[in-house]
C-alpha atoms as a PDB file:
ATOM      1  CA  UNK A   1       0.000   0.000   0.000  1.00  0.00           C
ATOM      2  CA  UNK A   2       1.158   3.493  -0.827  1.00  0.00           C
ATOM      3  CA  UNK A   3       1.995   5.813   2.070  1.00  0.00           C
ATOM      4  CA  UNK A   4      -0.807   7.919   3.483  1.00  0.00           C
ATOM      5  CA  UNK A   5      -0.797  11.513   2.247  1.00  0.00           C
ATOM      6  CA  UNK A   6      -1.972  14.665   3.985  1.00  0.00           C
ATOM      7  CA  UNK A   7      -5.193  16.348   2.948  1.00  0.00           C
ATOM      8  CA  UNK A   8      -3.160  19.119   1.313  1.00  0.00           C
ATOM      9  CA  UNK A   9      -1.185  16.602  -0.739  1.00  0.00           C
ATOM     10  CA  UNK A  10      -4.402  14.935  -1.931  1.00  0.00           C
ATOM     11  CA  UNK A  11      -5.880  18.333  -2.802  1.00  0.00           C
ATOM     12  CA  UNK A  12      -2.812  19.191  -4.895  1.00  0.00           C
ATOM     13  CA  UNK A  13      -2.791  15.796  -6.605  1.00  0.00           C
ATOM     14  CA  UNK A  14      -6.508  16.011  -7.422  1.00  0.00           C
ATOM     15  CA  UNK A  15      -6.433  19.716  -8.392  1.00  0.00           C
ATOM     16  CA  UNK A  16      -8.962  20.655  -5.701  1.00  0.00           C
ATOM     17  CA  UNK A  17      -8.802  24.042  -3.997  1.00  0.00           C
ATOM     18  CA  UNK A  18     -10.119  24.832  -0.516  1.00  0.00           C
ATOM     19  CA  UNK A  19     -13.409  26.355  -1.713  1.00  0.00           C
ATOM     20  CA  UNK A  20     -14.156  23.321  -3.884  1.00  0.00           C
ATOM     21  CA  UNK A  21     -13.465  20.985  -0.962  1.00  0.00           C
ATOM     22  CA  UNK A  22     -15.710  23.045   1.327  1.00  0.00           C
ATOM     23  CA  UNK A  23     -18.513  23.017  -1.247  1.00  0.00           C
ATOM     24  CA  UNK A  24     -18.281  19.246  -1.689  1.00  0.00           C
ATOM     25  CA  UNK A  25     -18.815  18.323   1.976  1.00  0.00           C
ATOM     26  CA  UNK A  26     -21.446  19.180   4.593  1.00  0.00           C
ATOM     27  CA  UNK A  27     -18.673  19.976   7.081  1.00  0.00           C
ATOM     28  CA  UNK A  28     -18.296  23.497   8.458  1.00  0.00           C
ATOM     29  CA  UNK A  29     -15.760  25.768   6.770  1.00  0.00           C
ATOM     30  CA  UNK A  30     -13.771  26.220  10.002  1.00  0.00           C
ATOM     31  CA  UNK A  31     -13.505  22.458  10.495  1.00  0.00           C
ATOM     32  CA  UNK A  32     -12.175  21.929   6.976  1.00  0.00           C
ATOM     33  CA  UNK A  33      -9.713  24.807   7.309  1.00  0.00           C
ATOM     34  CA  UNK A  34      -8.430  23.318  10.588  1.00  0.00           C
ATOM     35  CA  UNK A  35      -8.162  19.860   9.008  1.00  0.00           C
ATOM     36  CA  UNK A  36      -6.224  21.155   6.010  1.00  0.00           C
ATOM     37  CA  UNK A  37      -3.973  23.143   8.345  1.00  0.00           C
ATOM     38  CA  UNK A  38      -3.287  20.078  10.491  1.00  0.00           C
ATOM     39  CA  UNK A  39      -4.802  21.657  13.611  1.00  0.00           C
ATOM     40  CA  UNK A  40      -7.685  19.225  14.141  1.00  0.00           C
ATOM     41  CA  UNK A  41      -8.168  15.467  14.226  1.00  0.00           C
ATOM     42  CA  UNK A  42     -11.573  14.533  12.755  1.00  0.00           C
ATOM     43  CA  UNK A  43     -14.141  12.056  13.997  1.00  0.00           C
ATOM     44  CA  UNK A  44     -14.693   8.839  12.001  1.00  0.00           C
ATOM     45  CA  UNK A  45     -17.761  10.364  10.318  1.00  0.00           C
ATOM     46  CA  UNK A  46     -15.852  13.515   9.369  1.00  0.00           C
ATOM     47  CA  UNK A  47     -13.044  11.342   7.961  1.00  0.00           C
ATOM     48  CA  UNK A  48     -15.493   9.460   5.744  1.00  0.00           C
ATOM     49  CA  UNK A  49     -17.048  12.678   4.415  1.00  0.00           C
ATOM     50  CA  UNK A  50     -13.708  14.265   3.651  1.00  0.00           C
ATOM     51  CA  UNK A  51     -12.252  11.127   2.064  1.00  0.00           C
ATOM     52  CA  UNK A  52     -15.335  10.829  -0.167  1.00  0.00           C
ATOM     53  CA  UNK A  53     -14.946  14.469  -1.241  1.00  0.00           C
ATOM     54  CA  UNK A  54     -11.316  13.764  -2.184  1.00  0.00           C
ATOM     55  CA  UNK A  55     -12.212  10.496  -3.924  1.00  0.00           C
ATOM     56  CA  UNK A  56      -9.962   8.312  -1.747  1.00  0.00           C
ATOM     57  CA  UNK A  57     -10.466   5.893   1.109  1.00  0.00           C
ATOM     58  CA  UNK A  58      -9.920   6.960   4.717  1.00  0.00           C
ATOM     59  CA  UNK A  59      -6.759   4.846   5.103  1.00  0.00           C
ATOM     60  CA  UNK A  60      -5.062   6.849   2.330  1.00  0.00           C
ATOM     61  CA  UNK A  61      -5.144  10.079   4.336  1.00  0.00           C
ATOM     62  CA  UNK A  62      -2.690  10.936   7.133  1.00  0.00           C
ATOM     63  CA  UNK A  63      -5.011  12.268   9.843  1.00  0.00           C
ATOM     64  CA  UNK A  64      -2.584  13.388  12.546  1.00  0.00           C
ATOM     65  CA  UNK A  65      -1.786  16.910  13.638  1.00  0.00           C
ATOM     66  CA  UNK A  66       0.964  18.626  11.721  1.00  0.00           C
ATOM     67  CA  UNK A  67       0.888  21.954  13.556  1.00  0.00           C
ATOM     68  CA  UNK A  68       3.456  22.325  16.317  1.00  0.00           C
ATOM     69  CA  UNK A  69       2.047  22.025  19.831  1.00  0.00           C
ATOM     70  CA  UNK A  70       2.853  25.009  22.038  1.00  0.00           C
ATOM     71  CA  UNK A  71       3.206  24.490  25.749  1.00  0.00           C
ATOM     72  CA  UNK A  72       1.753  27.305  27.819  1.00  0.00           C
ATOM     73  CA  UNK A  73       2.876  27.593  31.407  1.00  0.00           C
ATOM     74  CA  UNK A  74       0.960  29.071  34.319  1.00  0.00           C
ATOM     75  CA  UNK A  75      -2.693  29.405  35.029  1.00  0.00           C
ATOM     76  CA  UNK A  76      -3.312  32.855  33.645  1.00  0.00           C
ATOM     77  CA  UNK A  77      -3.900  36.214  35.283  1.00  0.00           C
ATOM     78  CA  UNK A  78      -7.029  35.087  37.141  1.00  0.00           C
ATOM     79  CA  UNK A  79      -4.798  33.078  39.526  1.00  0.00           C
ATOM     80  CA  UNK A  80      -2.269  35.800  40.190  1.00  0.00           C
ATOM     81  CA  UNK A  81       1.326  34.921  39.497  1.00  0.00           C
ATOM     82  CA  UNK A  82       2.433  32.864  36.487  1.00  0.00           C
ATOM     83  CA  UNK A  83       5.965  31.349  36.344  1.00  0.00           C
END
């Protein structure tokens, strides 16, 4: 089996832009933008809808986060002092 590709790679290979992908699924625009940006991991139902819109099966898409995780220290100003 070929390696799984990101949503962006599938979009490029298929010649699909973001607006076309948004129009071809019932998912919310913000969800699709987060998925394409690698900032959100979809539910199984969302994976099926997006894979169908791209014309591939769900196993062909790399679903993990690709955005770097930022660690934020402290509890915020409501608790007083933050390290």
